[in-house]
PDB file of N, CA and C in Angstrom:
ATOM      1  N   MET A   1      -7.256  -8.408 -57.074  1.00  0.00           N
ATOM      2  CA  MET A   1      -7.816  -7.079 -57.438  1.00  0.00           C
ATOM      3  C   MET A   1      -8.698  -7.029 -58.718  1.00  0.00           C
ATOM      4  N   ARG A   2      -9.662  -7.075 -58.608  1.00  0.00           N
ATOM      5  CA  ARG A   2     -10.986  -7.296 -60.485  1.00  0.00           C
ATOM      6  C   ARG A   2     -10.608  -6.072 -60.938  1.00  0.00           C
ATOM      7  N   ASN A   3     -10.699  -6.762 -61.854  1.00  0.00           N
ATOM      8  CA  ASN A   3     -10.474  -5.456 -63.427  1.00  0.00           C
ATOM      9  C   ASN A   3     -11.486  -5.337 -63.603  1.00  0.00           C
ATOM     10  N   ASN A   4     -11.874  -4.005 -64.160  1.00  0.00           N
ATOM     11  CA  ASN A   4     -14.055  -3.701 -64.407  1.00  0.00           C
ATOM     12  C   ASN A   4     -13.985  -4.471 -65.484  1.00  0.00           C
ATOM     13  N   TYR A   5     -12.650  -4.574 -66.945  1.00  0.00           N
ATOM     14  CA  TYR A   5     -13.046  -4.384 -68.226  1.00  0.00           C
ATOM     15  C   TYR A   5     -12.410  -5.853 -68.904  1.00  0.00           C
ATOM     16  N   PRO A   6     -13.403  -6.416 -68.472  1.00  0.00           N
ATOM     17  CA  PRO A   6     -12.988  -7.824 -68.731  1.00  0.00           C
ATOM     18  C   PRO A   6     -12.568  -9.122 -70.611  1.00  0.00           C
ATOM     19  N   TYR A   7     -12.515  -7.608 -71.455  1.00  0.00           N
ATOM     20  CA  TYR A   7     -11.844  -8.162 -72.704  1.00  0.00           C
ATOM     21  C   TYR A   7     -11.348  -6.716 -73.632  1.00  0.00           C
ATOM     22  N   GLN A   8     -10.208  -6.100 -72.233  1.00  0.00           N
ATOM     23  CA  GLN A   8      -9.670  -5.216 -72.694  1.00  0.00           C
ATOM     24  C   GLN A   8      -8.123  -5.642 -73.599  1.00  0.00           C
ATOM     25  N   ASN A   9      -8.020  -6.958 -74.163  1.00  0.00           N
ATOM     26  CA  ASN A   9      -7.379  -7.492 -74.363  1.00  0.00           C
ATOM     27  C   ASN A   9      -7.829  -7.664 -75.945  1.00  0.00           C
ATOM     28  N   SER A  10      -9.162  -7.012 -76.274  1.00  0.00           N
ATOM     29  CA  SER A  10      -9.514  -8.042 -77.288  1.00  0.00           C
ATOM     30  C   SER A  10      -8.526  -6.553 -78.597  1.00  0.00           C
ATOM     31  N   ASN A  11      -9.557  -7.110 -79.950  1.00  0.00           N
ATOM     32  CA  ASN A  11      -8.770  -5.723 -81.316  1.00  0.00           C
ATOM     33  C   ASN A  11      -9.642  -4.773 -81.551  1.00  0.00           C
ATOM     34  N   TYR A  12     -10.756  -4.506 -80.550  1.00  0.00           N
ATOM     35  CA  TYR A  12     -11.243  -3.417 -80.797  1.00  0.00           C
ATOM     36  C   TYR A  12     -11.381  -2.032 -79.629  1.00  0.00           C
ATOM     37  N   GLY A  13     -10.496  -1.118 -79.260  1.00  0.00           N
ATOM     38  CA  GLY A  13     -10.869  -0.396 -78.228  1.00  0.00           C
ATOM     39  C   GLY A  13     -10.152  -0.782 -77.108  1.00  0.00           C
ATOM     40  N   GLY A  14      -9.599  -2.551 -76.972  1.00  0.00           N
ATOM     41  CA  GLY A  14      -9.743  -3.005 -75.639  1.00  0.00           C
ATOM     42  C   GLY A  14     -11.291  -3.423 -75.092  1.00  0.00           C
ATOM     43  N   TYR A  15     -11.813  -3.749 -75.865  1.00  0.00           N
ATOM     44  CA  TYR A  15     -13.206  -4.499 -75.939  1.00  0.00           C
ATOM     45  C   TYR A  15     -13.653  -5.623 -77.298  1.00  0.00           C
ATOM     46  N   HIS A  16     -13.784  -7.019 -77.323  1.00  0.00           N
ATOM     47  CA  HIS A  16     -14.132  -7.687 -78.489  1.00  0.00           C
ATOM     48  C   HIS A  16     -15.780  -7.022 -78.063  1.00  0.00           C
ATOM     49  N   GLY A  17     -16.037  -7.400 -79.642  1.00  0.00           N
ATOM     50  CA  GLY A  17     -17.263  -6.666 -80.320  1.00  0.00           C
ATOM     51  C   GLY A  17     -18.452  -6.556 -79.346  1.00  0.00           C
ATOM     52  N   ALA A  18     -18.400  -7.237 -78.082  1.00  0.00           N
ATOM     53  CA  ALA A  18     -20.178  -6.878 -77.355  1.00  0.00           C
ATOM     54  C   ALA A  18     -19.549  -7.141 -75.552  1.00  0.00           C
ATOM     55  N   MET A  19     -20.326  -7.062 -74.643  1.00  0.00           N
ATOM     56  CA  MET A  19     -19.823  -6.898 -73.649  1.00  0.00           C
ATOM     57  C   MET A  19     -20.305  -8.519 -73.143  1.00  0.00           C
ATOM     58  N   TYR A  20     -20.946  -9.614 -73.990  1.00  0.00           N
ATOM     59  CA  TYR A  20     -20.882 -10.813 -73.771  1.00  0.00           C
ATOM     60  C   TYR A  20     -20.895 -11.285 -75.210  1.00  0.00           C
ATOM     61  N   PRO A  21     -20.043 -12.067 -75.977  1.00  0.00           N
ATOM     62  CA  PRO A  21     -19.519 -11.880 -76.974  1.00  0.00           C
ATOM     63  C   PRO A  21     -20.707 -13.243 -77.824  1.00  0.00           C
ATOM     64  N   GLN A  22     -21.261 -14.178 -77.314  1.00  0.00           N
ATOM     65  CA  GLN A  22     -21.737 -14.779 -77.218  1.00  0.00           C
ATOM     66  C   GLN A  22     -23.171 -14.525 -77.695  1.00  0.00           C
ATOM     67  N   GLN A  23     -23.513 -13.594 -77.391  1.00  0.00           N
ATOM     68  CA  GLN A  23     -25.170 -12.753 -77.832  1.00  0.00           C
ATOM     69  C   GLN A  23     -24.849 -12.347 -79.125  1.00  0.00           C
ATOM     70  N   GLY A  24     -24.099 -11.845 -79.246  1.00  0.00           N
ATOM     71  CA  GLY A  24     -23.841 -10.983 -80.506  1.00  0.00           C
ATOM     72  C   GLY A  24     -24.161  -9.379 -80.386  1.00  0.00           C
ATOM     73  N   ASN A  25     -24.360  -8.741 -81.131  1.00  0.00           N
ATOM     74  CA  ASN A  25     -24.298  -6.847 -81.291  1.00  0.00           C
ATOM     75  C   ASN A  25     -25.285  -6.617 -80.062  1.00  0.00           C
ATOM     76  N   CYS A  26     -24.635  -5.745 -78.980  1.00  0.00           N
ATOM     77  CA  CYS A  26     -25.313  -5.594 -77.627  1.00  0.00           C
ATOM     78  C   CYS A  26     -25.091  -4.536 -77.289  1.00  0.00           C
ATOM     79  N   GLY A  27     -25.440  -3.503 -78.550  1.00  0.00           N
ATOM     80  CA  GLY A  27     -24.827  -2.136 -78.105  1.00  0.00           C
ATOM     81  C   GLY A  27     -23.741  -1.756 -78.908  1.00  0.00           C
ATOM     82  N   TYR A  28     -22.292  -2.649 -79.281  1.00  0.00           N
ATOM     83  CA  TYR A  28     -21.204  -1.863 -79.322  1.00  0.00           C
ATOM     84  C   TYR A  28     -21.553  -2.000 -80.778  1.00  0.00           C
ATOM     85  N   PRO A  29     -20.355  -1.445 -81.534  1.00  0.00           N
ATOM     86  CA  PRO A  29     -19.998  -1.897 -82.780  1.00  0.00           C
ATOM     87  C   PRO A  29     -19.068  -3.377 -83.146  1.00  0.00           C
ATOM     88  N   GLN A  30     -19.150  -3.987 -84.372  1.00  0.00           N
ATOM     89  CA  GLN A  30     -18.930  -5.295 -84.765  1.00  0.00           C
ATOM     90  C   GLN A  30     -17.361  -4.657 -85.530  1.00  0.00           C
ATOM     91  N   ALA A  31     -16.515  -5.454 -84.513  1.00  0.00           N
ATOM     92  CA  ALA A  31     -15.136  -5.560 -85.020  1.00  0.00           C
ATOM     93  C   ALA A  31     -15.141  -5.840 -86.185  1.00  0.00           C
ATOM     94  N   LYS A  32     -13.994  -4.676 -87.542  1.00  0.00           N
ATOM     95  CA  LYS A  32     -13.997  -4.715 -88.593  1.00  0.00           C
ATOM     96  C   LYS A  32     -12.708  -5.597 -88.741  1.00  0.00           C
ATOM     97  N   PRO A  33     -12.455  -6.078 -89.530  1.00  0.00           N
ATOM     98  CA  PRO A  33     -11.006  -7.352 -89.742  1.00  0.00           C
ATOM     99  C   PRO A  33      -9.770  -6.201 -90.477  1.00  0.00           C
ATOM    100  N   CYS A  34     -10.735  -5.335 -91.027  1.00  0.00           N
ATOM    101  CA  CYS A  34      -9.613  -4.749 -92.149  1.00  0.00           C
ATOM    102  C   CYS A  34      -9.512  -3.261 -91.462  1.00  0.00           C
ATOM    103  N   GLY A  35      -7.768  -3.037 -91.371  1.00  0.00           N
ATOM    104  CA  GLY A  35      -7.996  -1.572 -91.546  1.00  0.00           C
ATOM    105  C   GLY A  35      -8.389  -0.658 -89.707  1.00  0.00           C
ATOM    106  N   GLN A  36      -7.686  -1.648 -89.146  1.00  0.00           N
ATOM    107  CA  GLN A  36      -7.595  -1.646 -87.650  1.00  0.00           C
ATOM    108  C   GLN A  36      -5.922  -0.871 -86.859  1.00  0.00           C
ATOM    109  N   LEU A  37      -6.100  -0.729 -86.112  1.00  0.00           N
ATOM    110  CA  LEU A  37      -5.169  -0.758 -85.206  1.00  0.00           C
ATOM    111  C   LEU A  37      -4.432  -0.902 -84.572  1.00  0.00           C
ATOM    112  N   PRO A  38      -3.089  -1.244 -84.356  1.00  0.00           N
ATOM    113  CA  PRO A  38      -2.511  -2.423 -83.494  1.00  0.00           C
ATOM    114  C   PRO A  38      -3.325  -2.199 -81.953  1.00  0.00           C
ATOM    115  N   PRO A  39      -3.448  -3.033 -81.410  1.00  0.00           N
ATOM    116  CA  PRO A  39      -4.009  -3.117 -79.794  1.00  0.00           C
ATOM    117  C   PRO A  39      -3.479  -2.477 -79.323  1.00  0.00           C
ATOM    118  N   GLN A  40      -4.112  -1.917 -78.100  1.00  0.00           N
ATOM    119  CA  GLN A  40      -3.744  -0.717 -77.102  1.00  0.00           C
ATOM    120  C   GLN A  40      -4.342  -1.641 -75.607  1.00  0.00           C
ATOM    121  N   THR A  41      -3.286  -1.321 -74.749  1.00  0.00           N
ATOM    122  CA  THR A  41      -3.299  -2.081 -73.580  1.00  0.00           C
ATOM    123  C   THR A  41      -3.450  -1.013 -72.581  1.00  0.00           C
ATOM    124  N   MET A  42      -4.985  -0.829 -72.042  1.00  0.00           N
ATOM    125  CA  MET A  42      -5.067   0.367 -70.823  1.00  0.00           C
ATOM    126  C   MET A  42      -4.395  -0.343 -69.855  1.00  0.00           C
ATOM    127  N   PRO A  43      -3.953   1.253 -68.752  1.00  0.00           N
ATOM    128  CA  PRO A  43      -3.888   0.917 -67.210  1.00  0.00           C
ATOM    129  C   PRO A  43      -5.022  -0.145 -66.835  1.00  0.00           C
ATOM    130  N   ALA A  44      -4.246  -0.613 -65.836  1.00  0.00           N
ATOM    131  CA  ALA A  44      -5.366  -1.675 -64.914  1.00  0.00           C
ATOM    132  C   ALA A  44      -6.615  -0.905 -63.565  1.00  0.00           C
ATOM    133  N   GLN A  45      -7.623  -0.338 -64.060  1.00  0.00           N
ATOM    134  CA  GLN A  45      -7.804   0.245 -62.511  1.00  0.00           C
ATOM    135  C   GLN A  45      -8.717  -1.458 -62.172  1.00  0.00           C
ATOM    136  N   TYR A  46      -8.399  -0.537 -60.579  1.00  0.00           N
ATOM    137  CA  TYR A  46      -8.970  -0.926 -59.696  1.00  0.00           C
ATOM    138  C   TYR A  46      -9.895  -0.908 -58.969  1.00  0.00           C
ATOM    139  N   ASP A  47     -11.013  -2.293 -58.589  1.00  0.00           N
ATOM    140  CA  ASP A  47     -12.159  -1.495 -57.339  1.00  0.00           C
ATOM    141  C   ASP A  47     -11.541  -1.013 -56.180  1.00  0.00           C
ATOM    142  N   PRO A  48     -12.110  -0.259 -55.140  1.00  0.00           N
ATOM    143  CA  PRO A  48     -11.753  -0.204 -53.858  1.00  0.00           C
ATOM    144  C   PRO A  48     -11.338  -1.510 -53.492  1.00  0.00           C
ATOM    145  N   VAL A  49     -10.394  -1.503 -52.475  1.00  0.00           N
ATOM    146  CA  VAL A  49     -10.686  -3.063 -51.962  1.00  0.00           C
ATOM    147  C   VAL A  49     -11.526  -2.864 -50.810  1.00  0.00           C
ATOM    148  N   LYS A  50     -12.175  -4.073 -50.924  1.00  0.00           N
ATOM    149  CA  LYS A  50     -13.065  -4.576 -50.273  1.00  0.00           C
ATOM    150  C   LYS A  50     -12.653  -5.559 -49.231  1.00  0.00           C
ATOM    151  N   GLN A  51     -12.878  -5.143 -47.731  1.00  0.00           N
ATOM    152  CA  GLN A  51     -11.730  -5.265 -46.176  1.00  0.00           C
ATOM    153  C   GLN A  51     -12.864  -6.163 -45.971  1.00  0.00           C
ATOM    154  N   ASN A  52     -12.695  -7.300 -45.942  1.00  0.00           N
ATOM    155  CA  ASN A  52     -13.143  -8.693 -45.195  1.00  0.00           C
ATOM    156  C   ASN A  52     -12.334  -8.932 -43.524  1.00  0.00           C
ATOM    157  N   THR A  53     -13.094  -8.806 -43.059  1.00  0.00           N
ATOM    158  CA  THR A  53     -12.209  -9.222 -41.333  1.00  0.00           C
ATOM    159  C   THR A  53     -12.726 -10.964 -40.767  1.00  0.00           C
ATOM    160  N   SER A  54     -11.719 -11.139 -40.513  1.00  0.00           N
ATOM    161  CA  SER A  54     -11.752 -12.883 -40.151  1.00  0.00           C
ATOM    162  C   SER A  54     -11.377 -12.857 -38.292  1.00  0.00           C
ATOM    163  N   PHE A  55     -12.357 -13.285 -37.702  1.00  0.00           N
ATOM    164  CA  PHE A  55     -12.362 -13.237 -36.773  1.00  0.00           C
ATOM    165  C   PHE A  55     -11.788 -14.412 -36.154  1.00  0.00           C
ATOM    166  N   THR A  56     -11.150 -14.341 -35.533  1.00  0.00           N
ATOM    167  CA  THR A  56     -10.841 -15.906 -34.357  1.00  0.00           C
ATOM    168  C   THR A  56     -10.656 -15.460 -33.146  1.00  0.00           C
ATOM    169  N   GLY A  57     -11.215 -16.077 -32.162  1.00  0.00           N
ATOM    170  CA  GLY A  57     -11.211 -16.191 -31.172  1.00  0.00           C
ATOM    171  C   GLY A  57     -10.721 -17.300 -30.129  1.00  0.00           C
ATOM    172  N   GLN A  58     -10.033 -16.562 -29.468  1.00  0.00           N
ATOM    173  CA  GLN A  58      -9.641 -17.719 -28.015  1.00  0.00           C
ATOM    174  C   GLN A  58      -9.639 -17.033 -26.951  1.00  0.00           C
ATOM    175  N   ASP A  59      -9.720 -17.845 -25.844  1.00  0.00           N
ATOM    176  CA  ASP A  59      -9.600 -17.714 -24.132  1.00  0.00           C
ATOM    177  C   ASP A  59      -7.956 -17.721 -24.270  1.00  0.00           C
ATOM    178  N   VAL A  60      -7.713 -16.876 -23.814  1.00  0.00           N
ATOM    179  CA  VAL A  60      -6.339 -17.045 -22.977  1.00  0.00           C
ATOM    180  C   VAL A  60      -6.614 -16.853 -21.215  1.00  0.00           C
ATOM    181  N   PHE A  61      -5.594 -17.573 -20.184  1.00  0.00           N
ATOM    182  CA  PHE A  61      -6.051 -17.784 -19.382  1.00  0.00           C
ATOM    183  C   PHE A  61      -5.482 -16.995 -18.539  1.00  0.00           C
ATOM    184  N   VAL A  62      -5.792 -16.631 -17.655  1.00  0.00           N
ATOM    185  CA  VAL A  62      -4.404 -15.339 -17.139  1.00  0.00           C
ATOM    186  C   VAL A  62      -4.275 -15.891 -15.196  1.00  0.00           C
ATOM    187  N   PRO A  63      -3.594 -16.786 -14.711  1.00  0.00           N
ATOM    188  CA  PRO A  63      -3.631 -17.094 -12.936  1.00  0.00           C
ATOM    189  C   PRO A  63      -3.409 -15.742 -12.588  1.00  0.00           C
ATOM    190  N   VAL A  64      -4.734 -15.476 -11.545  1.00  0.00           N
ATOM    191  CA  VAL A  64      -4.182 -14.048 -10.736  1.00  0.00           C
ATOM    192  C   VAL A  64      -5.004 -14.444  -9.353  1.00  0.00           C
ATOM    193  N   VAL A  65      -3.307 -14.405  -8.632  1.00  0.00           N
ATOM    194  CA  VAL A  65      -3.663 -15.436  -7.493  1.00  0.00           C
ATOM    195  C   VAL A  65      -3.865 -14.181  -6.092  1.00  0.00           C
ATOM    196  N   HIS A  66      -4.295 -14.099  -5.861  1.00  0.00           N
ATOM    197  CA  HIS A  66      -5.195 -13.049  -4.207  1.00  0.00           C
ATOM    198  C   HIS A  66      -4.937 -14.108  -2.903  1.00  0.00           C
ATOM    199  N   PRO A  67      -3.391 -13.934  -2.726  1.00  0.00           N
ATOM    200  CA  PRO A  67      -3.236 -14.693  -1.388  1.00  0.00           C
ATOM    201  C   PRO A  67      -3.867 -13.884  -0.342  1.00  0.00           C
ATOM    202  N   SER A  68      -4.136 -14.840   0.552  1.00  0.00           N
ATOM    203  CA  SER A  68      -4.539 -13.905   1.793  1.00  0.00           C
ATOM    204  C   SER A  68      -4.054 -15.411   3.597  1.00  0.00           C
ATOM    205  N   HIS A  69      -3.604 -14.360   4.347  1.00  0.00           N
ATOM    206  CA  HIS A  69      -3.072 -14.823   5.790  1.00  0.00           C
ATOM    207  C   HIS A  69      -3.810 -14.658   6.445  1.00  0.00           C
ATOM    208  N   THR A  70      -4.228 -15.528   7.634  1.00  0.00           N
ATOM    209  CA  THR A  70      -4.509 -15.232   9.216  1.00  0.00           C
ATOM    210  C   THR A  70      -3.175 -15.866   9.802  1.00  0.00           C
ATOM    211  N   THR A  71      -2.977 -14.885  10.986  1.00  0.00           N
ATOM    212  CA  THR A  71      -2.151 -15.360  12.154  1.00  0.00           C
ATOM    213  C   THR A  71      -3.589 -15.118  13.285  1.00  0.00           C
ATOM    214  N   ASN A  72      -2.983 -16.157  13.710  1.00  0.00           N
ATOM    215  CA  ASN A  72      -3.918 -16.551  14.773  1.00  0.00           C
ATOM    216  C   ASN A  72      -2.390 -15.996  16.384  1.00  0.00           C
ATOM    217  N   VAL A  73      -3.350 -15.229  16.987  1.00  0.00           N
ATOM    218  CA  VAL A  73      -1.880 -14.526  17.747  1.00  0.00           C
ATOM    219  C   VAL A  73      -2.829 -15.230  19.524  1.00  0.00           C
ATOM    220  N   TYR A  74      -2.034 -16.039  20.160  1.00  0.00           N
ATOM    221  CA  TYR A  74      -2.666 -16.183  21.222  1.00  0.00           C
ATOM    222  C   TYR A  74      -1.437 -15.963  22.564  1.00  0.00           C
ATOM    223  N   GLN A  75      -1.931 -14.831  23.050  1.00  0.00           N
ATOM    224  CA  GLN A  75      -1.240 -13.682  24.343  1.00  0.00           C
ATOM    225  C   GLN A  75      -1.690 -13.996  25.291  1.00  0.00           C
ATOM    226  N   LYS A  76      -0.358 -14.499  25.897  1.00  0.00           N
ATOM    227  CA  LYS A  76      -0.428 -14.705  27.590  1.00  0.00           C
ATOM    228  C   LYS A  76       0.145 -12.761  28.175  1.00  0.00           C
ATOM    229  N   ASN A  77      -0.234 -12.759  28.824  1.00  0.00           N
ATOM    230  CA  ASN A  77      -0.283 -11.244  29.430  1.00  0.00           C
ATOM    231  C   ASN A  77       0.212 -11.479  31.169  1.00  0.00           C
ATOM    232  N   TYR A  78       1.543 -11.793  31.376  1.00  0.00           N
ATOM    233  CA  TYR A  78       1.894 -11.409  32.286  1.00  0.00           C
ATOM    234  C   TYR A  78       1.252 -10.780  33.584  1.00  0.00           C
ATOM    235  N   LYS A  79       0.931 -10.653  34.552  1.00  0.00           N
ATOM    236  CA  LYS A  79       0.752  -9.407  34.426  1.00  0.00           C
ATOM    237  C   LYS A  79       1.567  -9.553  36.298  1.00  0.00           C
ATOM    238  N   TYR A  80       2.125  -8.953  36.182  1.00  0.00           N
ATOM    239  CA  TYR A  80       3.282  -8.861  38.097  1.00  0.00           C
ATOM    240  C   TYR A  80       2.335  -7.784  38.379  1.00  0.00           C
ATOM    241  N   MET A  81       2.501  -8.488  40.130  1.00  0.00           N
ATOM    242  CA  MET A  81       1.081  -7.393  41.444  1.00  0.00           C
ATOM    243  C   MET A  81       2.607  -7.585  42.093  1.00  0.00           C
ATOM    244  N   HIS A  82       2.549  -6.258  41.998  1.00  0.00           N
ATOM    245  CA  HIS A  82       3.956  -5.901  43.020  1.00  0.00           C
ATOM    246  C   HIS A  82       2.816  -5.249  44.128  1.00  0.00           C
ATOM    247  N   SER A  83       3.834  -6.584  45.413  1.00  0.00           N
ATOM    248  CA  SER A  83       3.333  -5.866  46.525  1.00  0.00           C
ATOM    249  C   SER A  83       4.695  -4.916  47.312  1.00  0.00           C
ATOM    250  N   PHE A  84       4.096  -4.197  48.233  1.00  0.00           N
ATOM    251  CA  PHE A  84       5.602  -3.375  48.986  1.00  0.00           C
ATOM    252  C   PHE A  84       4.833  -3.600  50.588  1.00  0.00           C
ATOM    253  N   PRO A  85       5.637  -4.907  50.964  1.00  0.00           N
ATOM    254  CA  PRO A  85       4.725  -5.215  52.524  1.00  0.00           C
ATOM    255  C   PRO A  85       5.846  -4.357  52.890  1.00  0.00           C
ATOM    256  N   HIS A  86       5.255  -4.117  54.719  1.00  0.00           N
ATOM    257  CA  HIS A  86       6.110  -3.190  55.052  1.00  0.00           C
ATOM    258  C   HIS A  86       5.931  -3.526  56.628  1.00  0.00           C
ATOM    259  N   THR A  87       7.439  -3.813  57.829  1.00  0.00           N
ATOM    260  CA  THR A  87       6.639  -4.168  58.661  1.00  0.00           C
ATOM    261  C   THR A  87       7.049  -3.224  59.607  1.00  0.00           C
ATOM    262  N   GLU A  88       7.020  -2.815  61.242  1.00  0.00           N
ATOM    263  CA  GLU A  88       6.984  -2.209  61.734  1.00  0.00           C
ATOM    264  C   GLU A  88       7.877  -2.970  63.339  1.00  0.00           C
ATOM    265  N   SER A  89       8.556  -2.063  63.372  1.00  0.00           N
ATOM    266  CA  SER A  89       9.394  -3.153  64.934  1.00  0.00           C
ATOM    267  C   SER A  89       9.300  -1.965  65.356  1.00  0.00           C
ATOM    268  N   VAL A  90       9.554  -1.616  67.094  1.00  0.00           N
ATOM    269  CA  VAL A  90       9.274  -1.222  68.280  1.00  0.00           C
ATOM    270  C   VAL A  90      10.707  -0.833  69.054  1.00  0.00           C
ATOM    271  N   VAL A  91      11.608  -0.432  69.357  1.00  0.00           N
ATOM    272  CA  VAL A  91      13.047  -0.266  69.956  1.00  0.00           C
ATOM    273  C   VAL A  91      12.543   0.696  70.737  1.00  0.00           C
ATOM    274  N   CYS A  92      12.174  -0.061  72.684  1.00  0.00           N
ATOM    275  CA  CYS A  92      12.210   0.407  73.653  1.00  0.00           C
ATOM    276  C   CYS A  92      13.665   1.091  73.910  1.00  0.00           C
ATOM    277  N   GLN A  93      13.917   2.253  74.253  1.00  0.00           N
ATOM    278  CA  GLN A  93      15.482   2.731  74.336  1.00  0.00           C
ATOM    279  C   GLN A  93      15.337   3.332  75.430  1.00  0.00           C
ATOM    280  N   GLU A  94      16.631   2.957  76.432  1.00  0.00           N
ATOM    281  CA  GLU A  94      16.907   3.551  77.665  1.00  0.00           C
ATOM    282  C   GLU A  94      17.813   4.343  78.088  1.00  0.00           C
ATOM    283  N   THR A  95      18.389   5.242  78.082  1.00  0.00           N
ATOM    284  CA  THR A  95      19.649   5.764  78.482  1.00  0.00           C
ATOM    285  C   THR A  95      19.766   5.657  80.035  1.00  0.00           C
ATOM    286  N   HIS A  96      20.878   5.364  80.251  1.00  0.00           N
ATOM    287  CA  HIS A  96      21.407   5.460  81.414  1.00  0.00           C
ATOM    288  C   HIS A  96      22.450   6.744  81.783  1.00  0.00           C
ATOM    289  N   GLN A  97      22.404   7.852  82.725  1.00  0.00           N
ATOM    290  CA  GLN A  97      23.451   8.841  82.782  1.00  0.00           C
ATOM    291  C   GLN A  97      23.850   8.559  85.003  1.00  0.00           C
ATOM    292  N   HIS A  98      24.864   8.963  85.151  1.00  0.00           N
ATOM    293  CA  HIS A  98      25.305   8.913  86.121  1.00  0.00           C
ATOM    294  C   HIS A  98      26.335  10.374  86.277  1.00  0.00           C
ATOM    295  N   PHE A  99      25.751  10.809  87.566  1.00  0.00           N
ATOM    296  CA  PHE A  99      26.068  12.519  87.897  1.00  0.00           C
ATOM    297  C   PHE A  99      26.602  11.846  89.229  1.00  0.00           C
ATOM    298  N   CYS A 100      27.438  12.985  89.570  1.00  0.00           N
ATOM    299  CA  CYS A 100      28.102  13.063  90.959  1.00  0.00           C
ATOM    300  C   CYS A 100      26.997  14.026  91.935  1.00  0.00           C
ATOM    301  N   ALA A 101      26.639  13.813  92.742  1.00  0.00           N
ATOM    302  CA  ALA A 101      26.547  14.220  93.397  1.00  0.00           C
ATOM    303  C   ALA A 101      27.669  16.103  94.268  1.00  0.00           C
ATOM    304  N   PRO A 102      27.105  16.926  94.082  1.00  0.00           N
ATOM    305  CA  PRO A 102      27.876  17.933  94.542  1.00  0.00           C
ATOM    306  C   PRO A 102      28.455  17.058  96.045  1.00  0.00           C
ATOM    307  N   SER A 103      29.853  16.950  95.877  1.00  0.00           N
ATOM    308  CA  SER A 103      30.088  16.950  97.335  1.00  0.00           C
ATOM    309  C   SER A 103      29.750  18.137  98.442  1.00  0.00           C
ATOM    310  N   CYS A 104      29.979  17.108  99.526  1.00  0.00           N
ATOM    311  CA  CYS A 104      30.141  18.322 100.917  1.00  0.00           C
ATOM    312  C   CYS A 104      31.530  19.421 100.742  1.00  0.00           C
ATOM    313  N   PRO A 105      31.559  20.623 101.157  1.00  0.00           N
ATOM    314  CA  PRO A 105      33.208  20.664 101.871  1.00  0.00           C
ATOM    315  C   PRO A 105      33.791  18.964 102.286  1.00  0.00           C
ATOM    316  N   PRO A 106      34.455  19.599 101.763  1.00  0.00           N
ATOM    317  CA  PRO A 106      35.661  18.527 102.116  1.00  0.00           C
ATOM    318  C   PRO A 106      35.988  18.489 103.860  1.00  0.00           C
ATOM    319  N   ARG A 107      35.875  17.344 104.895  1.00  0.00           N
ATOM    320  CA  ARG A 107      36.224  17.245 105.894  1.00  0.00           C
ATOM    321  C   ARG A 107      37.109  16.527 106.499  1.00  0.00           C
ATOM    322  N   PRO A 108      37.470  17.086 107.473  1.00  0.00           N
ATOM    323  CA  PRO A 108      38.968  17.086 108.070  1.00  0.00           C
ATOM    324  C   PRO A 108      39.286  15.298 108.103  1.00  0.00           C
ATOM    325  N   ARG A 109      40.169  14.943 108.089  1.00  0.00           N
ATOM    326  CA  ARG A 109      39.888  13.807 108.500  1.00  0.00           C
ATOM    327  C   ARG A 109      40.849  13.787 109.647  1.00  0.00           C
ATOM    328  N   PRO A 110      40.472  13.033 110.566  1.00  0.00           N
ATOM    329  CA  PRO A 110      40.921  13.028 111.939  1.00  0.00           C
ATOM    330  C   PRO A 110      41.961  12.168 111.798  1.00  0.00           C
ATOM    331  N   TRP A 111      42.471  11.708 110.970  1.00  0.00           N
ATOM    332  CA  TRP A 111      43.472  10.382 111.076  1.00  0.00           C
ATOM    333  C   TRP A 111      44.832  11.109 110.480  1.00  0.00           C
ATOM    334  N   CYS A 112      44.384  12.108 109.563  1.00  0.00           N
ATOM    335  CA  CYS A 112      45.696  12.703 108.805  1.00  0.00           C
ATOM    336  C   CYS A 112      46.083  13.392 109.442  1.00  0.00           C
TER     337      CYS A 112
END
């Protein structure tokens, strides 16, 4: 964190005689060696945080498998051809009936 007051621990109200002491009097009163109060330290002052972003890229390979399958079906279709052959036969049927003809009145038997 940066402090805006680089000369705050000096003998003159937190500052040396000037902002740049090597250049002499630059608008600030000269520090007087006699009759001074003890040094004071002000609370620290902070700039707003400067946000730095460091970007590091990395490629991450994620295997994605898309499976595929082909089933080759060879189908045999059995077609049963049903037939219903029909035969015919002929039966010649004959019937026989035997009747006795009415008989004539009985004849007398002569031998009896």
